[in-house]
Amino acid sequence: MSTAAILVIGNEILSAKVQDENGPFLARELRALGVELRRIETMPDEVPLIVDALRRCLSQAQWVFTSGGVGPTHDDVTIAAVSQAFGRAVVLDERTLQLLRAHFGEPLKPALRRLAEVPEGSRVEFHEGYLFPVISLENVVILPGVPPLLREGFLRIRDRFRVAPIHSKALYFTIGEGALAEHLDATVARFPAVAIGSYPRFDTADHRVKVTFDARDQAQVRAACEFLKARLPAQVIVREE
């Protein structure tokens, strides 16, 4: 089983100046790749707090994806934080420097030189047609915070994280969770390897509760779904997906 954590970095997210798009995007992509997401954290642009969050994430997941804090300004501190978390120095990547010189000319301003900073020992990948390199250190992947750049960078490397898929089914009910609870408990007890979720609604949707079944064993997912269906009258089931 492959697991991941997402660390979204930026004061602008915590202050609601900018709505986070990157966490949901990465969550959807990782799910589609069969990677189980264990946690998402959002941290301010403060190195000690980012270091602590990185260590928490690394203790619970095989992969950590960071979003934001990569750039030439004072509040771009992700490179420094990742370096500190691993006990590495911050160094300049020579190929990135060459590309910056070719684009901006010499001499490079100090702020632009910061764009070439990476944690010592990083893997720095360049992809044709993509403006920024994808930086990773061991099992931490460092991505930019600008959503189009993050999406493009991740899509260049996404297939390396693909594992066995997570299979899913869903049932939609006209009855509430109170009426479903004992049947859900029985299904959970019978199928411990299947993650079963119950999600109520209180609006004008055609159902009151959506129940989901998730596992890597497709046969177990189907069996759990059929087990729950068999315990309830057919007329309370709106549909199955």
Foldseek 3Di string as FASTA:
>chain_A
DAEEEEEEEAPCCVVVVDPAPVVVVVVVLCQQLAYHYDYYYYYYLDQVVLLVVVVVRVVPGQAYEYEALQALDPSSCPQVNVLVSVVFDKDFDVVLVVVLCVVPNPPDDNSSSSNRIHTPPWDWADDPPQDGTWIDDNRYTYFYHPVVNRVVNCVVPSNVSHDQHKDKKKWFFADACVVLVVLVVVLCVVQVQWDKDWDADDDPDPGGIMIMTIHSDNVSSVVSVVSSCVVDDPVGTPDMD
